[in-house]
Amino acid sequence: MDSGAVEQLFTGAHTAAAFAPTPVTQEQQRAIHEMMRMPPTAMNTQPLRILWVRSPEARERLGALMSQPNRAKTLAAPLSAVLAYDVNWHEHLATLAPFRLDSQAEFAANEPLRTGMAQMSAHIQAGYFLLAARANGLDVGPMSGFDKSGVDREFLAEKGWHSFAVVNLGHPAADGAGYRDRQGRLSFEEQTLTL
């Protein structure tokens, strides 16, 4: 990977609080999905689900469920994605993990196991989602400050998905206007242990 790609995906990445007014296209949405669905998850469960919030009416409904610091940012973003996990991922074993299809009844009977697996792999996929958005030239503003049960009732009740993050997406604002100054990071010694 060349230094430009490393910067785009990692070292130059910021949490964006504002974006250029340029719309995020459906082609970009599909490109993000195409990239984020390919890397590994535990047993290839692929439990991440995405609700794209684009229309003004849906944005108002989502904005009402965001915490106060995140409301204005969400209403102003060109596109928001609610990231959720599906505890019924086992229903797709024939496609995703046919080598474990004989365990489908066991998974169906054990919701706590399915939930734990869904949460872990969906959070891994959320990282892939952020990198895929950045690889497609977008800035991202991931947030956890929102009424999760409210979002689930308002948007996801029919699907049975469980939200855990909202990510605002858009093209970078001019001259880095959407970013705070770079904050500190922990050192290798502070953050890792080698045995």
C-alpha atoms as a PDB file:
ATOM      1  CA  MET A   1       0.000   0.000   0.000  1.00  0.00           C
ATOM      2  CA  ASP A   2       1.486   3.335  -0.976  1.00  0.00           C
ATOM      3  CA  SER A   3       1.855   6.214   1.477  1.00  0.00           C
ATOM      4  CA  GLY A   4      -1.121   8.078  -0.020  1.00  0.00           C
ATOM      5  CA  ALA A   5      -3.435   5.161   0.648  1.00  0.00           C
ATOM      6  CA  VAL A   6      -2.064   4.734   4.177  1.00  0.00           C
ATOM      7  CA  GLU A   7      -2.739   8.415   4.828  1.00  0.00           C
ATOM      8  CA  GLN A   8      -6.259   8.264   3.352  1.00  0.00           C
ATOM      9  CA  LEU A   9      -7.247   5.215   5.369  1.00  0.00           C
ATOM     10  CA  PHE A  10      -5.273   5.628   8.590  1.00  0.00           C
ATOM     11  CA  THR A  11      -2.798   8.386   9.392  1.00  0.00           C
ATOM     12  CA  GLY A  12      -4.818  11.222   7.847  1.00  0.00           C
ATOM     13  CA  ALA A  13      -8.177  10.017   9.103  1.00  0.00           C
ATOM     14  CA  HIS A  14     -10.232  12.278  11.368  1.00  0.00           C
ATOM     15  CA  THR A  15     -13.735  12.082  12.802  1.00  0.00           C
ATOM     16  CA  ALA A  16     -15.644  14.570  10.668  1.00  0.00           C
ATOM     17  CA  ALA A  17     -18.253  16.868  12.210  1.00  0.00           C
ATOM     18  CA  ALA A  18     -19.056  18.793   8.997  1.00  0.00           C
ATOM     19  CA  PHE A  19     -19.049  17.982   5.303  1.00  0.00           C
ATOM     20  CA  ALA A  20     -19.103  19.618   1.886  1.00  0.00           C
ATOM     21  CA  PRO A  21     -22.637  20.000   0.442  1.00  0.00           C
ATOM     22  CA  THR A  22     -21.879  17.456  -2.297  1.00  0.00           C
ATOM     23  CA  PRO A  23     -24.313  14.511  -2.145  1.00  0.00           C
ATOM     24  CA  VAL A  24     -23.153  10.964  -1.443  1.00  0.00           C
ATOM     25  CA  THR A  25     -24.306   8.883  -4.413  1.00  0.00           C
ATOM     26  CA  GLN A  26     -26.023   5.513  -4.392  1.00  0.00           C
ATOM     27  CA  GLU A  27     -23.024   4.239  -6.347  1.00  0.00           C
ATOM     28  CA  GLN A  28     -20.805   5.226  -3.420  1.00  0.00           C
ATOM     29  CA  GLN A  29     -23.169   3.479  -0.998  1.00  0.00           C
ATOM     30  CA  ARG A  30     -22.930   0.294  -3.057  1.00  0.00           C
ATOM     31  CA  ALA A  31     -19.145   0.610  -3.335  1.00  0.00           C
ATOM     32  CA  ILE A  32     -18.867   0.902   0.452  1.00  0.00           C
ATOM     33  CA  HIS A  33     -21.030  -2.179   0.902  1.00  0.00           C
ATOM     34  CA  GLU A  34     -19.113  -4.145  -1.706  1.00  0.00           C
ATOM     35  CA  MET A  35     -15.830  -3.489   0.111  1.00  0.00           C
ATOM     36  CA  MET A  36     -17.020  -3.935   3.706  1.00  0.00           C
ATOM     37  CA  ARG A  37     -18.752  -7.266   3.071  1.00  0.00           C
ATOM     38  CA  MET A  38     -15.599  -9.043   1.906  1.00  0.00           C
ATOM     39  CA  PRO A  39     -13.132  -9.101   4.860  1.00  0.00           C
ATOM     40  CA  PRO A  40     -13.415 -11.835   7.502  1.00  0.00           C
ATOM     41  CA  THR A  41     -15.846 -12.176  10.375  1.00  0.00           C
ATOM     42  CA  ALA A  42     -16.149 -15.035  12.861  1.00  0.00           C
ATOM     43  CA  MET A  43     -17.444 -18.061  10.955  1.00  0.00           C
ATOM     44  CA  ASN A  44     -18.325 -15.675   8.089  1.00  0.00           C
ATOM     45  CA  THR A  45     -21.501 -14.694   9.943  1.00  0.00           C
ATOM     46  CA  GLN A  46     -21.592 -11.203   8.326  1.00  0.00           C
ATOM     47  CA  PRO A  47     -24.142  -9.852  10.866  1.00  0.00           C
ATOM     48  CA  LEU A  48     -23.746  -6.122  10.153  1.00  0.00           C
ATOM     49  CA  ARG A  49     -26.859  -4.472   8.761  1.00  0.00           C
ATOM     50  CA  ILE A  50     -27.009  -0.902   7.452  1.00  0.00           C
ATOM     51  CA  LEU A  51     -29.918   1.518   7.398  1.00  0.00           C
ATOM     52  CA  TRP A  52     -29.082   4.402   5.036  1.00  0.00           C
ATOM     53  CA  VAL A  53     -30.857   7.589   6.144  1.00  0.00           C
ATOM     54  CA  ARG A  54     -31.085  10.028   3.248  1.00  0.00           C
ATOM     55  CA  SER A  55     -34.543  11.600   2.874  1.00  0.00           C
ATOM     56  CA  PRO A  56     -35.325  14.815   4.789  1.00  0.00           C
ATOM     57  CA  GLU A  57     -38.224  13.125   6.573  1.00  0.00           C
ATOM     58  CA  ALA A  58     -36.129  10.156   7.710  1.00  0.00           C
ATOM     59  CA  ARG A  59     -33.294  12.508   8.733  1.00  0.00           C
ATOM     60  CA  GLU A  60     -35.687  14.454  10.985  1.00  0.00           C
ATOM     61  CA  ARG A  61     -36.862  11.206  12.589  1.00  0.00           C
ATOM     62  CA  LEU A  62     -33.257  10.128  13.196  1.00  0.00           C
ATOM     63  CA  GLY A  63     -32.198  13.577  14.394  1.00  0.00           C
ATOM     64  CA  ALA A  64     -34.875  13.513  17.086  1.00  0.00           C
ATOM     65  CA  LEU A  65     -33.246  10.369  18.510  1.00  0.00           C
ATOM     66  CA  MET A  66     -29.676  11.674  18.527  1.00  0.00           C
ATOM     67  CA  SER A  67     -28.088  13.096  21.681  1.00  0.00           C
ATOM     68  CA  GLN A  68     -27.928  16.903  21.763  1.00  0.00           C
ATOM     69  CA  PRO A  69     -24.280  17.237  20.636  1.00  0.00           C
ATOM     70  CA  ASN A  70     -24.876  14.880  17.697  1.00  0.00           C
ATOM     71  CA  ARG A  71     -28.287  16.149  16.516  1.00  0.00           C
ATOM     72  CA  ALA A  72     -27.179  19.154  14.453  1.00  0.00           C
ATOM     73  CA  LYS A  73     -24.275  17.232  12.898  1.00  0.00           C
ATOM     74  CA  THR A  74     -26.616  14.431  11.837  1.00  0.00           C
ATOM     75  CA  LEU A  75     -29.240  16.757  10.390  1.00  0.00           C
ATOM     76  CA  ALA A  76     -26.559  18.598   8.372  1.00  0.00           C
ATOM     77  CA  ALA A  77     -24.745  15.521   7.010  1.00  0.00           C
ATOM     78  CA  PRO A  78     -25.482  14.494   3.403  1.00  0.00           C
ATOM     79  CA  LEU A  79     -26.074  10.878   4.480  1.00  0.00           C
ATOM     80  CA  SER A  80     -26.193   8.916   7.703  1.00  0.00           C
ATOM     81  CA  ALA A  81     -25.826   5.183   8.171  1.00  0.00           C
ATOM     82  CA  VAL A  82     -27.292   3.403  11.172  1.00  0.00           C
ATOM     83  CA  LEU A  83     -25.108   0.379  11.834  1.00  0.00           C
ATOM     84  CA  ALA A  84     -26.917  -2.547  13.417  1.00  0.00           C
ATOM     85  CA  TYR A  85     -26.459  -6.245  14.042  1.00  0.00           C
ATOM     86  CA  ASP A  86     -28.812  -9.073  13.152  1.00  0.00           C
ATOM     87  CA  VAL A  87     -29.118 -11.811  15.783  1.00  0.00           C
ATOM     88  CA  ASN A  88     -30.798 -13.986  13.167  1.00  0.00           C
ATOM     89  CA  TRP A  89     -27.664 -14.281  11.049  1.00  0.00           C
ATOM     90  CA  HIS A  90     -27.963 -18.074  11.399  1.00  0.00           C
ATOM     91  CA  GLU A  91     -30.855 -17.993   8.912  1.00  0.00           C
ATOM     92  CA  HIS A  92     -28.265 -17.298   6.196  1.00  0.00           C
ATOM     93  CA  LEU A  93     -25.907 -20.170   7.023  1.00  0.00           C
ATOM     94  CA  ALA A  94     -26.602 -21.945   3.732  1.00  0.00           C
ATOM     95  CA  THR A  95     -25.063 -18.964   1.922  1.00  0.00           C
ATOM     96  CA  LEU A  96     -22.491 -17.725   4.430  1.00  0.00           C
ATOM     97  CA  ALA A  97     -21.264 -20.842   6.198  1.00  0.00           C
ATOM     98  CA  PRO A  98     -22.551 -24.021   4.541  1.00  0.00           C
ATOM     99  CA  PHE A  99     -19.776 -25.898   6.356  1.00  0.00           C
ATOM    100  CA  ARG A 100     -21.762 -25.210   9.588  1.00  0.00           C
ATOM    101  CA  LEU A 101     -25.269 -25.775   8.230  1.00  0.00           C
ATOM    102  CA  ASP A 102     -25.632 -28.846  10.444  1.00  0.00           C
ATOM    103  CA  SER A 103     -25.464 -26.460  13.447  1.00  0.00           C
ATOM    104  CA  GLN A 104     -28.363 -24.246  12.360  1.00  0.00           C
ATOM    105  CA  ALA A 105     -30.833 -25.757  14.857  1.00  0.00           C
ATOM    106  CA  GLU A 106     -28.281 -25.393  17.649  1.00  0.00           C
ATOM    107  CA  PHE A 107     -27.796 -21.699  16.828  1.00  0.00           C
ATOM    108  CA  ALA A 108     -31.559 -21.171  16.511  1.00  0.00           C
ATOM    109  CA  ALA A 109     -32.044 -22.493  20.061  1.00  0.00           C
ATOM    110  CA  ASN A 110     -29.298 -20.318  21.599  1.00  0.00           C
ATOM    111  CA  GLU A 111     -30.062 -16.609  21.224  1.00  0.00           C
ATOM    112  CA  PRO A 112     -27.419 -15.468  23.764  1.00  0.00           C
ATOM    113  CA  LEU A 113     -24.721 -17.229  21.705  1.00  0.00           C
ATOM    114  CA  ARG A 114     -26.041 -15.718  18.468  1.00  0.00           C
ATOM    115  CA  THR A 115     -26.225 -12.255  20.029  1.00  0.00           C
ATOM    116  CA  GLY A 116     -22.656 -12.390  21.305  1.00  0.00           C
ATOM    117  CA  MET A 117     -21.366 -13.576  17.936  1.00  0.00           C
ATOM    118  CA  ALA A 118     -23.437 -10.931  16.119  1.00  0.00           C
ATOM    119  CA  GLN A 119     -22.189  -8.089  18.297  1.00  0.00           C
ATOM    120  CA  MET A 120     -18.533  -9.044  17.962  1.00  0.00           C
ATOM    121  CA  SER A 121     -18.507  -9.527  14.205  1.00  0.00           C
ATOM    122  CA  ALA A 122     -20.753  -6.515  13.509  1.00  0.00           C
ATOM    123  CA  HIS A 123     -18.326  -4.294  15.415  1.00  0.00           C
ATOM    124  CA  ILE A 124     -15.469  -5.727  13.349  1.00  0.00           C
ATOM    125  CA  GLN A 125     -17.483  -4.990  10.199  1.00  0.00           C
ATOM    126  CA  ALA A 126     -18.111  -1.435  11.435  1.00  0.00           C
ATOM    127  CA  GLY A 127     -14.358  -0.875  11.199  1.00  0.00           C
ATOM    128  CA  TYR A 128     -14.390  -2.225   7.663  1.00  0.00           C
ATOM    129  CA  PHE A 129     -17.319   0.114   6.905  1.00  0.00           C
ATOM    130  CA  LEU A 130     -15.364   3.181   8.034  1.00  0.00           C
ATOM    131  CA  LEU A 131     -12.318   2.183   5.993  1.00  0.00           C
ATOM    132  CA  ALA A 132     -14.475   1.428   2.932  1.00  0.00           C
ATOM    133  CA  ALA A 133     -16.114   4.853   3.151  1.00  0.00           C
ATOM    134  CA  ARG A 134     -12.709   6.537   3.399  1.00  0.00           C
ATOM    135  CA  ALA A 135     -11.404   4.420   0.497  1.00  0.00           C
ATOM    136  CA  ASN A 136     -14.298   5.819  -1.551  1.00  0.00           C
ATOM    137  CA  GLY A 137     -13.235   9.407  -0.860  1.00  0.00           C
ATOM    138  CA  LEU A 138     -15.670  10.152   1.963  1.00  0.00           C
ATOM    139  CA  ASP A 139     -15.231  11.475   5.467  1.00  0.00           C
ATOM    140  CA  VAL A 140     -16.917   9.702   8.359  1.00  0.00           C
ATOM    141  CA  GLY A 141     -18.302  10.794  11.704  1.00  0.00           C
ATOM    142  CA  PRO A 142     -19.047   7.690  13.811  1.00  0.00           C
ATOM    143  CA  MET A 143     -21.172   8.227  16.937  1.00  0.00           C
ATOM    144  CA  SER A 144     -22.700   6.164  19.717  1.00  0.00           C
ATOM    145  CA  GLY A 145     -24.621   9.029  21.343  1.00  0.00           C
ATOM    146  CA  PHE A 146     -28.215   8.265  20.403  1.00  0.00           C
ATOM    147  CA  ASP A 147     -31.302   6.503  21.722  1.00  0.00           C
ATOM    148  CA  LYS A 148     -30.619   2.976  20.506  1.00  0.00           C
ATOM    149  CA  SER A 149     -33.902   1.462  21.628  1.00  0.00           C
ATOM    150  CA  GLY A 150     -35.713   4.444  20.088  1.00  0.00           C
ATOM    151  CA  VAL A 151     -33.931   3.973  16.752  1.00  0.00           C
ATOM    152  CA  ASP A 152     -34.721   0.259  16.861  1.00  0.00           C
ATOM    153  CA  ARG A 153     -38.430   0.967  17.463  1.00  0.00           C
ATOM    154  CA  GLU A 154     -38.627   3.801  14.935  1.00  0.00           C
ATOM    155  CA  PHE A 155     -36.720   2.225  12.057  1.00  0.00           C
ATOM    156  CA  LEU A 156     -35.774  -1.415  12.635  1.00  0.00           C
ATOM    157  CA  ALA A 157     -38.703  -3.101  14.406  1.00  0.00           C
ATOM    158  CA  GLU A 158     -39.799  -5.072  11.332  1.00  0.00           C
ATOM    159  CA  LYS A 159     -36.291  -6.372  10.727  1.00  0.00           C
ATOM    160  CA  GLY A 160     -35.418  -7.177  14.338  1.00  0.00           C
ATOM    161  CA  TRP A 161     -32.017  -5.511  13.946  1.00  0.00           C
ATOM    162  CA  HIS A 162     -30.249  -3.833  16.887  1.00  0.00           C
ATOM    163  CA  SER A 163     -28.493  -0.499  16.306  1.00  0.00           C
ATOM    164  CA  PHE A 164     -25.134   0.306  17.881  1.00  0.00           C
ATOM    165  CA  ALA A 165     -23.672   3.224  15.899  1.00  0.00           C
ATOM    166  CA  VAL A 166     -24.634   6.079  13.614  1.00  0.00           C
ATOM    167  CA  VAL A 167     -22.085   7.186  11.028  1.00  0.00           C
ATOM    168  CA  ASN A 168     -22.462  10.497   9.229  1.00  0.00           C
ATOM    169  CA  LEU A 169     -20.947  10.407   5.748  1.00  0.00           C
ATOM    170  CA  GLY A 170     -20.007  13.047   3.240  1.00  0.00           C
ATOM    171  CA  HIS A 171     -17.295  14.598   1.144  1.00  0.00           C
ATOM    172  CA  PRO A 172     -14.581  16.453   3.088  1.00  0.00           C
ATOM    173  CA  ALA A 173     -15.383  20.045   4.005  1.00  0.00           C
ATOM    174  CA  ALA A 174     -13.101  22.694   2.502  1.00  0.00           C
ATOM    175  CA  ASP A 175      -9.762  23.262   4.228  1.00  0.00           C
ATOM    176  CA  GLY A 176     -10.393  20.629   6.913  1.00  0.00           C
ATOM    177  CA  ALA A 177     -13.237  22.684   8.410  1.00  0.00           C
ATOM    178  CA  GLY A 178     -14.983  19.542   9.623  1.00  0.00           C
ATOM    179  CA  TYR A 179     -12.125  18.404  11.889  1.00  0.00           C
ATOM    180  CA  ARG A 180     -10.875  19.174  15.368  1.00  0.00           C
ATOM    181  CA  ASP A 181      -7.127  19.370  15.857  1.00  0.00           C
ATOM    182  CA  ARG A 182      -5.494  15.950  15.976  1.00  0.00           C
ATOM    183  CA  GLN A 183      -5.720  14.543  19.502  1.00  0.00           C
ATOM    184  CA  GLY A 184      -3.173  12.344  21.290  1.00  0.00           C
ATOM    185  CA  ARG A 185      -2.674   8.639  20.765  1.00  0.00           C
ATOM    186  CA  LEU A 186      -1.375   5.949  23.110  1.00  0.00           C
ATOM    187  CA  SER A 187       2.115   4.596  22.481  1.00  0.00           C
ATOM    188  CA  PHE A 188       2.974   1.040  21.521  1.00  0.00           C
ATOM    189  CA  GLU A 189       4.196   0.436  25.080  1.00  0.00           C
ATOM    190  CA  GLU A 190       0.979   1.778  26.608  1.00  0.00           C
ATOM    191  CA  GLN A 191      -1.362  -0.116  24.324  1.00  0.00           C
ATOM    192  CA  THR A 192       0.251  -3.486  23.757  1.00  0.00           C
ATOM    193  CA  LEU A 193       1.741  -6.424  25.601  1.00  0.00           C
ATOM    194  CA  THR A 194       3.992  -9.073  24.064  1.00  0.00           C
ATOM    195  CA  LEU A 195       4.380 -12.425  25.816  1.00  0.00           C
END
